[in-house]
Structures are given as structure tokens and as C-alpha cells.
Amino acid sequence: MRLLSIILITPALLFCSCSEPNQAESNPPAESPDSWNVQDVTPVDAQKLLADNKEVRVLDVRTPEEYAEGHIAGAVNVDFKSPDFAENVAKLDKNTTYIVHCRSGKRSTNSLPILKENNFGTVYHLNKGFNAWKEAGMLTAP
């Protein structure tokens, strides 16, 4: 009889304990994930943004060595791999529109939460990074 009770009660307890987190997850977060928007752009889109608005800046988060091998003209280089990346990026003008990129997109994607945390306004993400920029035949600075 005791075994039968355990067999019947155990699934009920599991069901109740599994359903509570789902209820908590259905509550909306305090800050909507859409409250800060980053738009992925292609190299063509990025070039158009730069041509149409001289206030748009490029934030290159590659290493200084990568930057020295070639970069988008006028880009500001802040190395994502540097231990003081967050501190260095916090010094930038947060009201400026930025196009952020790295070599292939991973580091720049990982930099986005730091930009959000530092209250940067409009940010565009160069999809597939500097590699895509070069492959599209866009001009690079030495």
C-alpha cells in the first residue's frame, strides 16, 4: 500500500515542481529585451550608413595587430580581448551611432552586452565582420 502511495504521489509532485518555473518564466522581465535594439548590417548597408551620415563611427573590436593589417577608414580600435575593454569602451561617446565589428562577428557579438550596459544609443553590427567587408570589395585603410 505504501509503495502504491509513493507511485501515485511522485508523479504529482514532479508535475507540480515542473510547472512552477514555467509560470515564473511567463512573467515579463522588468526590462524588455527589445528596449535596446542592435541591427545587423551587411557591408553594403554599412558603407551606405557611413556615406550618408558623417557622424556614424566604426568601432573595431579586433586586436591592434589585426587593426594594423587593415581596417575601415576612420575606425576606432578598442580590443575586445583586452582586460580593460569595458573601461575603454565606456570612454567613447554614447550618443554617437556606431557600426561595431571584429574579424568574423563573434567578438563584436560578444561586445554588444557591454555596449548595452554602458548605455550606448544606436548600434549597428557588421554581420560577418571585417572578413565580409573585404570580401565585398570595400575599401580598407592600411
N, C-alpha and C. Protein backbone atom coordinates (compact mmCIF):
# COMPACT_ATOMS: atom_id res chain seq x y z
N MET A 1 0.82 -1.18 0.00
CA MET A 1 0.00 0.00 0.00
C MET A 1 0.87 1.25 0.00
N ARG A 2 1.91 1.24 0.82
CA ARG A 2 2.82 2.37 0.89
C ARG A 2 3.50 2.59 -0.46
N LEU A 3 3.91 1.50 -1.09
CA LEU A 3 4.53 1.59 -2.41
C LEU A 3 3.57 2.19 -3.43
N LEU A 4 2.32 1.81 -3.37
CA LEU A 4 1.31 2.35 -4.27
C LEU A 4 1.14 3.86 -4.05
N SER A 5 1.15 4.30 -2.80
CA SER A 5 1.05 5.74 -2.49
C SER A 5 2.23 6.50 -3.09
N ILE A 6 3.42 5.96 -2.95
CA ILE A 6 4.62 6.61 -3.48
C ILE A 6 4.54 6.70 -5.00
N ILE A 7 4.07 5.62 -5.61
CA ILE A 7 3.96 5.60 -7.06
C ILE A 7 2.95 6.64 -7.54
N LEU A 8 1.88 6.83 -6.81
CA LEU A 8 0.85 7.79 -7.21
C LEU A 8 1.24 9.24 -6.87
N ILE A 9 1.89 9.46 -5.78
CA ILE A 9 2.23 10.82 -5.33
C ILE A 9 3.44 11.38 -6.07
N THR A 10 4.43 10.57 -6.36
CA THR A 10 5.66 11.03 -7.00
C THR A 10 5.39 11.75 -8.33
N PRO A 11 4.61 11.20 -9.25
CA PRO A 11 4.35 11.93 -10.49
C PRO A 11 3.64 13.27 -10.25
N ALA A 12 2.75 13.29 -9.26
CA ALA A 12 2.04 14.54 -8.96
C ALA A 12 3.01 15.60 -8.46
N LEU A 13 3.93 15.20 -7.59
CA LEU A 13 4.94 16.15 -7.08
C LEU A 13 5.85 16.63 -8.22
N LEU A 14 6.25 15.74 -9.07
CA LEU A 14 7.09 16.12 -10.19
C LEU A 14 6.36 17.08 -11.12
N PHE A 15 5.11 16.81 -11.37
CA PHE A 15 4.31 17.68 -12.23
C PHE A 15 4.21 19.08 -11.64
N CYS A 16 3.95 19.16 -10.35
CA CYS A 16 3.82 20.48 -9.69
C CYS A 16 5.14 21.22 -9.68
N SER A 17 6.22 20.52 -9.39
CA SER A 17 7.51 21.19 -9.33
C SER A 17 7.99 21.61 -10.72
N CYS A 18 7.59 20.89 -11.74
CA CYS A 18 7.98 21.26 -13.10
C CYS A 18 7.14 22.40 -13.63
N SER A 19 5.92 22.57 -13.14
CA SER A 19 5.05 23.60 -13.70
C SER A 19 5.35 24.98 -13.12
N GLU A 20 5.90 25.08 -11.91
CA GLU A 20 6.17 26.39 -11.31
C GLU A 20 7.16 27.23 -12.09
N PRO A 21 8.33 26.72 -12.51
CA PRO A 21 9.25 27.55 -13.27
C PRO A 21 8.63 28.09 -14.55
N ASN A 22 7.79 27.31 -15.20
CA ASN A 22 7.14 27.79 -16.41
C ASN A 22 6.28 29.00 -16.13
N GLN A 23 5.59 29.00 -14.97
CA GLN A 23 4.77 30.15 -14.61
C GLN A 23 5.65 31.35 -14.39
N ALA A 24 6.79 31.19 -13.72
CA ALA A 24 7.71 32.30 -13.48
C ALA A 24 8.28 32.81 -14.80
N GLU A 25 8.58 31.89 -15.72
CA GLU A 25 9.14 32.30 -17.00
C GLU A 25 8.13 33.08 -17.84
N SER A 26 6.84 32.87 -17.60
CA SER A 26 5.85 33.56 -18.40
C SER A 26 5.67 35.01 -17.96
N ASN A 27 6.16 35.35 -16.76
CA ASN A 27 6.09 36.74 -16.33
C ASN A 27 7.05 37.57 -17.16
N PRO A 28 6.63 38.75 -17.61
CA PRO A 28 7.52 39.56 -18.43
C PRO A 28 8.69 40.07 -17.60
N PRO A 29 9.88 40.16 -18.21
CA PRO A 29 11.03 40.67 -17.48
C PRO A 29 10.83 42.15 -17.17
N ALA A 30 11.57 42.64 -16.17
CA ALA A 30 11.48 44.05 -15.79
C ALA A 30 11.86 44.95 -16.96
N GLU A 31 12.88 44.56 -17.72
CA GLU A 31 13.29 45.33 -18.89
C GLU A 31 13.07 44.48 -20.13
N SER A 32 12.36 45.00 -21.06
CA SER A 32 12.09 44.26 -22.30
C SER A 32 13.38 44.09 -23.09
N PRO A 33 13.62 42.89 -23.65
CA PRO A 33 14.83 42.70 -24.45
C PRO A 33 14.83 43.58 -25.69
N ASP A 34 13.66 44.08 -26.09
CA ASP A 34 13.59 44.93 -27.27
C ASP A 34 13.86 46.39 -26.96
N SER A 35 14.11 46.72 -25.67
CA SER A 35 14.30 48.12 -25.32
C SER A 35 15.64 48.66 -25.85
N TRP A 36 16.54 47.82 -26.20
CA TRP A 36 17.81 48.22 -26.80
C TRP A 36 17.96 47.42 -28.07
N ASN A 37 18.02 48.09 -29.19
CA ASN A 37 17.98 47.40 -30.46
C ASN A 37 19.29 47.54 -31.20
N VAL A 38 19.83 46.44 -31.64
CA VAL A 38 21.02 46.41 -32.49
C VAL A 38 20.59 45.81 -33.81
N GLN A 39 20.95 46.46 -34.88
CA GLN A 39 20.57 45.96 -36.20
C GLN A 39 21.80 45.41 -36.90
N ASP A 40 21.71 44.17 -37.38
CA ASP A 40 22.78 43.61 -38.20
C ASP A 40 22.75 44.29 -39.56
N VAL A 41 23.93 44.61 -40.07
CA VAL A 41 24.02 45.23 -41.39
C VAL A 41 25.05 44.49 -42.23
N THR A 42 24.84 44.51 -43.53
CA THR A 42 25.79 43.95 -44.48
C THR A 42 26.87 45.00 -44.75
N PRO A 43 27.96 44.61 -45.38
CA PRO A 43 28.97 45.61 -45.75
C PRO A 43 28.40 46.74 -46.61
N VAL A 44 27.51 46.40 -47.53
CA VAL A 44 26.89 47.43 -48.39
C VAL A 44 26.06 48.40 -47.54
N ASP A 45 25.28 47.85 -46.60
CA ASP A 45 24.49 48.69 -45.70
C ASP A 45 25.39 49.59 -44.87
N ALA A 46 26.48 49.01 -44.34
CA ALA A 46 27.40 49.78 -43.50
C ALA A 46 28.05 50.90 -44.30
N GLN A 47 28.47 50.60 -45.50
CA GLN A 47 29.09 51.62 -46.34
C GLN A 47 28.11 52.75 -46.62
N LYS A 48 26.86 52.41 -46.87
CA LYS A 48 25.83 53.42 -47.12
C LYS A 48 25.61 54.28 -45.86
N LEU A 49 25.55 53.65 -44.69
CA LEU A 49 25.41 54.40 -43.45
C LEU A 49 26.55 55.40 -43.28
N LEU A 50 27.76 54.96 -43.56
CA LEU A 50 28.93 55.83 -43.42
C LEU A 50 28.91 56.97 -44.44
N ALA A 51 28.47 56.67 -45.66
CA ALA A 51 28.42 57.69 -46.70
C ALA A 51 27.31 58.71 -46.45
N ASP A 52 26.19 58.26 -45.92
CA ASP A 52 25.03 59.13 -45.73
C ASP A 52 25.11 59.98 -44.46
N ASN A 53 25.92 59.57 -43.50
CA ASN A 53 25.97 60.28 -42.23
C ASN A 53 27.40 60.31 -41.71
N LYS A 54 28.03 61.45 -41.77
CA LYS A 54 29.43 61.58 -41.35
C LYS A 54 29.61 61.45 -39.84
N GLU A 55 28.50 61.43 -39.10
CA GLU A 55 28.55 61.28 -37.65
C GLU A 55 28.66 59.82 -37.22
N VAL A 56 28.38 58.90 -38.11
CA VAL A 56 28.47 57.47 -37.78
C VAL A 56 29.94 57.10 -37.67
N ARG A 57 30.27 56.38 -36.60
CA ARG A 57 31.65 55.95 -36.36
C ARG A 57 31.72 54.43 -36.42
N VAL A 58 32.89 53.93 -36.75
CA VAL A 58 33.13 52.48 -36.78
C VAL A 58 33.91 52.11 -35.54
N LEU A 59 33.43 51.10 -34.82
CA LEU A 59 34.12 50.58 -33.64
C LEU A 59 34.65 49.20 -34.00
N ASP A 60 35.97 49.12 -34.13
CA ASP A 60 36.67 47.88 -34.50
C ASP A 60 37.17 47.24 -33.21
N VAL A 61 36.64 46.07 -32.86
CA VAL A 61 37.00 45.44 -31.59
C VAL A 61 38.04 44.33 -31.75
N ARG A 62 38.75 44.35 -32.88
CA ARG A 62 39.83 43.38 -33.09
C ARG A 62 41.08 43.81 -32.32
N THR A 63 42.07 42.96 -32.35
CA THR A 63 43.33 43.28 -31.68
C THR A 63 44.06 44.39 -32.45
N PRO A 64 44.97 45.10 -31.79
CA PRO A 64 45.74 46.13 -32.51
C PRO A 64 46.52 45.57 -33.69
N GLU A 65 46.97 44.33 -33.58
CA GLU A 65 47.70 43.70 -34.68
C GLU A 65 46.79 43.50 -35.89
N GLU A 66 45.59 43.02 -35.65
CA GLU A 66 44.62 42.83 -36.74
C GLU A 66 44.27 44.18 -37.36
N TYR A 67 44.07 45.17 -36.52
CA TYR A 67 43.72 46.52 -36.98
C TYR A 67 44.83 47.08 -37.87
N ALA A 68 46.07 46.86 -37.47
CA ALA A 68 47.22 47.37 -38.23
C ALA A 68 47.34 46.73 -39.61
N GLU A 69 46.82 45.51 -39.76
CA GLU A 69 46.87 44.82 -41.05
C GLU A 69 45.87 45.39 -42.05
N GLY A 70 44.94 46.18 -41.58
CA GLY A 70 43.92 46.80 -42.43
C GLY A 70 42.65 47.00 -41.64
N HIS A 71 41.99 48.12 -41.90
CA HIS A 71 40.76 48.45 -41.17
C HIS A 71 39.90 49.38 -42.01
N ILE A 72 38.70 49.60 -41.56
CA ILE A 72 37.80 50.55 -42.20
C ILE A 72 38.29 51.94 -41.85
N ALA A 73 38.41 52.80 -42.84
CA ALA A 73 38.95 54.15 -42.63
C ALA A 73 38.19 54.86 -41.51
N GLY A 74 38.94 55.45 -40.60
CA GLY A 74 38.36 56.22 -39.50
C GLY A 74 37.90 55.39 -38.32
N ALA A 75 38.09 54.08 -38.37
CA ALA A 75 37.62 53.20 -37.29
C ALA A 75 38.39 53.47 -36.00
N VAL A 76 37.67 53.37 -34.89
CA VAL A 76 38.26 53.44 -33.57
C VAL A 76 38.53 52.00 -33.14
N ASN A 77 39.74 51.73 -32.69
CA ASN A 77 40.10 50.37 -32.30
C ASN A 77 40.10 50.24 -30.78
N VAL A 78 39.22 49.38 -30.27
CA VAL A 78 39.19 49.04 -28.85
C VAL A 78 39.18 47.52 -28.78
N ASP A 79 40.28 46.95 -28.33
CA ASP A 79 40.49 45.50 -28.34
C ASP A 79 39.57 44.78 -27.36
N PHE A 80 38.67 43.95 -27.90
CA PHE A 80 37.75 43.19 -27.06
C PHE A 80 38.49 42.22 -26.15
N LYS A 81 39.63 41.71 -26.58
CA LYS A 81 40.39 40.75 -25.78
C LYS A 81 41.15 41.41 -24.63
N SER A 82 41.22 42.73 -24.63
CA SER A 82 41.93 43.45 -23.58
C SER A 82 41.15 43.34 -22.27
N PRO A 83 41.86 43.15 -21.15
CA PRO A 83 41.15 43.04 -19.87
C PRO A 83 40.40 44.33 -19.49
N ASP A 84 40.79 45.45 -20.06
CA ASP A 84 40.12 46.71 -19.74
C ASP A 84 39.20 47.18 -20.87
N PHE A 85 38.68 46.23 -21.66
CA PHE A 85 37.80 46.57 -22.76
C PHE A 85 36.61 47.40 -22.29
N ALA A 86 35.91 46.93 -21.27
CA ALA A 86 34.71 47.63 -20.79
C ALA A 86 35.06 49.05 -20.35
N GLU A 87 36.16 49.20 -19.68
CA GLU A 87 36.60 50.53 -19.22
C GLU A 87 36.93 51.43 -20.41
N ASN A 88 37.61 50.89 -21.42
CA ASN A 88 37.98 51.68 -22.59
C ASN A 88 36.77 52.04 -23.45
N VAL A 89 35.87 51.12 -23.61
CA VAL A 89 34.70 51.39 -24.43
C VAL A 89 33.77 52.39 -23.72
N ALA A 90 33.78 52.39 -22.41
CA ALA A 90 32.95 53.32 -21.64
C ALA A 90 33.38 54.77 -21.85
N LYS A 91 34.60 54.98 -22.31
CA LYS A 91 35.11 56.34 -22.55
C LYS A 91 34.60 56.94 -23.86
N LEU A 92 34.02 56.11 -24.72
CA LEU A 92 33.52 56.59 -26.01
C LEU A 92 32.22 57.36 -25.83
N ASP A 93 31.91 58.22 -26.81
CA ASP A 93 30.68 59.00 -26.79
C ASP A 93 29.49 58.07 -27.02
N LYS A 94 28.63 57.97 -26.04
CA LYS A 94 27.49 57.05 -26.10
C LYS A 94 26.36 57.57 -26.97
N ASN A 95 26.40 58.85 -27.33
CA ASN A 95 25.37 59.43 -28.19
C ASN A 95 25.69 59.29 -29.67
N THR A 96 26.88 58.81 -29.98
CA THR A 96 27.30 58.60 -31.36
C THR A 96 26.74 57.28 -31.86
N THR A 97 26.38 57.23 -33.12
CA THR A 97 25.96 55.97 -33.75
C THR A 97 27.21 55.21 -34.15
N TYR A 98 27.26 53.93 -33.80
CA TYR A 98 28.43 53.09 -34.09
C TYR A 98 28.05 51.90 -34.95
N ILE A 99 28.99 51.55 -35.82
CA ILE A 99 28.95 50.26 -36.52
C ILE A 99 30.07 49.45 -35.88
N VAL A 100 29.74 48.39 -35.18
CA VAL A 100 30.73 47.60 -34.47
C VAL A 100 31.05 46.33 -35.27
N HIS A 101 32.34 45.98 -35.28
CA HIS A 101 32.74 44.76 -35.98
C HIS A 101 34.03 44.20 -35.41
N CYS A 102 34.28 42.94 -35.73
CA CYS A 102 35.55 42.28 -35.45
C CYS A 102 35.97 41.61 -36.75
N ARG A 103 36.65 40.48 -36.67
CA ARG A 103 37.08 39.79 -37.88
C ARG A 103 35.92 39.06 -38.55
N SER A 104 35.20 38.25 -37.74
CA SER A 104 34.14 37.42 -38.34
C SER A 104 32.77 37.58 -37.68
N GLY A 105 32.70 38.28 -36.58
CA GLY A 105 31.42 38.55 -35.94
C GLY A 105 31.27 38.05 -34.51
N LYS A 106 32.13 37.15 -34.06
CA LYS A 106 31.98 36.57 -32.72
C LYS A 106 32.31 37.58 -31.62
N ARG A 107 33.47 38.19 -31.70
CA ARG A 107 33.86 39.15 -30.65
C ARG A 107 32.94 40.37 -30.63
N SER A 108 32.58 40.84 -31.82
CA SER A 108 31.68 42.01 -31.85
C SER A 108 30.31 41.65 -31.28
N THR A 109 29.83 40.45 -31.56
CA THR A 109 28.57 39.99 -30.96
C THR A 109 28.70 39.95 -29.44
N ASN A 110 29.83 39.45 -28.96
CA ASN A 110 30.06 39.36 -27.52
C ASN A 110 30.26 40.74 -26.87
N SER A 111 30.61 41.73 -27.67
CA SER A 111 30.79 43.09 -27.13
C SER A 111 29.45 43.81 -26.95
N LEU A 112 28.41 43.37 -27.62
CA LEU A 112 27.13 44.07 -27.60
C LEU A 112 26.53 44.22 -26.20
N PRO A 113 26.55 43.19 -25.36
CA PRO A 113 26.02 43.39 -24.00
C PRO A 113 26.79 44.46 -23.22
N ILE A 114 28.07 44.58 -23.47
CA ILE A 114 28.87 45.60 -22.79
C ILE A 114 28.48 46.98 -23.28
N LEU A 115 28.23 47.12 -24.58
CA LEU A 115 27.77 48.39 -25.12
C LEU A 115 26.40 48.74 -24.54
N LYS A 116 25.54 47.75 -24.44
CA LYS A 116 24.21 47.99 -23.85
C LYS A 116 24.34 48.42 -22.40
N GLU A 117 25.18 47.71 -21.66
CA GLU A 117 25.39 48.02 -20.24
C GLU A 117 25.92 49.45 -20.05
N ASN A 118 26.66 49.93 -21.03
CA ASN A 118 27.24 51.28 -20.96
C ASN A 118 26.33 52.33 -21.61
N ASN A 119 25.10 51.94 -21.89
CA ASN A 119 24.08 52.88 -22.39
C ASN A 119 24.40 53.51 -23.74
N PHE A 120 25.00 52.73 -24.64
CA PHE A 120 25.23 53.24 -25.99
C PHE A 120 23.87 53.34 -26.68
N GLY A 121 23.73 54.35 -27.52
CA GLY A 121 22.46 54.57 -28.22
C GLY A 121 22.31 53.66 -29.41
N THR A 122 22.48 54.20 -30.60
CA THR A 122 22.27 53.44 -31.83
C THR A 122 23.52 52.66 -32.19
N VAL A 123 23.37 51.36 -32.34
CA VAL A 123 24.49 50.48 -32.67
C VAL A 123 24.07 49.57 -33.82
N TYR A 124 24.93 49.49 -34.82
CA TYR A 124 24.76 48.55 -35.93
C TYR A 124 25.87 47.52 -35.80
N HIS A 125 25.56 46.30 -36.14
CA HIS A 125 26.55 45.22 -36.06
C HIS A 125 26.87 44.75 -37.48
N LEU A 126 28.13 44.88 -37.87
CA LEU A 126 28.56 44.44 -39.20
C LEU A 126 28.55 42.93 -39.24
N ASN A 127 27.52 42.40 -39.87
CA ASN A 127 27.33 40.95 -39.96
C ASN A 127 28.53 40.30 -40.65
N LYS A 128 29.12 39.31 -40.01
CA LYS A 128 30.27 38.55 -40.50
C LYS A 128 31.55 39.37 -40.55
N GLY A 129 31.55 40.54 -39.94
CA GLY A 129 32.76 41.30 -39.64
C GLY A 129 33.58 41.81 -40.81
N PHE A 130 34.85 42.07 -40.48
CA PHE A 130 35.78 42.64 -41.44
C PHE A 130 36.04 41.70 -42.61
N ASN A 131 35.95 40.40 -42.36
CA ASN A 131 36.11 39.44 -43.47
C ASN A 131 35.07 39.71 -44.56
N ALA A 132 33.82 39.92 -44.15
CA ALA A 132 32.76 40.20 -45.12
C ALA A 132 32.99 41.53 -45.81
N TRP A 133 33.49 42.51 -45.07
CA TRP A 133 33.80 43.83 -45.65
C TRP A 133 34.81 43.68 -46.79
N LYS A 134 35.88 42.95 -46.52
CA LYS A 134 36.92 42.74 -47.55
C LYS A 134 36.37 41.93 -48.73
N GLU A 135 35.62 40.86 -48.42
CA GLU A 135 35.07 40.01 -49.48
C GLU A 135 34.10 40.77 -50.39
N ALA A 136 33.46 41.80 -49.84
CA ALA A 136 32.54 42.61 -50.63
C ALA A 136 33.29 43.65 -51.47
N GLY A 137 34.62 43.67 -51.34
CA GLY A 137 35.42 44.60 -52.13
C GLY A 137 35.43 46.02 -51.62
N MET A 138 35.07 46.21 -50.36
CA MET A 138 35.05 47.54 -49.76
C MET A 138 36.47 48.01 -49.48
N LEU A 139 36.67 49.32 -49.54
CA LEU A 139 37.99 49.89 -49.30
C LEU A 139 38.42 49.71 -47.85
N THR A 140 39.72 49.47 -47.68
CA THR A 140 40.29 49.37 -46.34
C THR A 140 41.46 50.33 -46.24
N ALA A 141 41.70 50.79 -45.02
CA ALA A 141 42.84 51.66 -44.76
C ALA A 141 44.01 50.78 -44.32
N PRO A 142 45.21 51.21 -44.66
CA PRO A 142 46.39 50.42 -44.24
C PRO A 142 46.62 50.48 -42.75
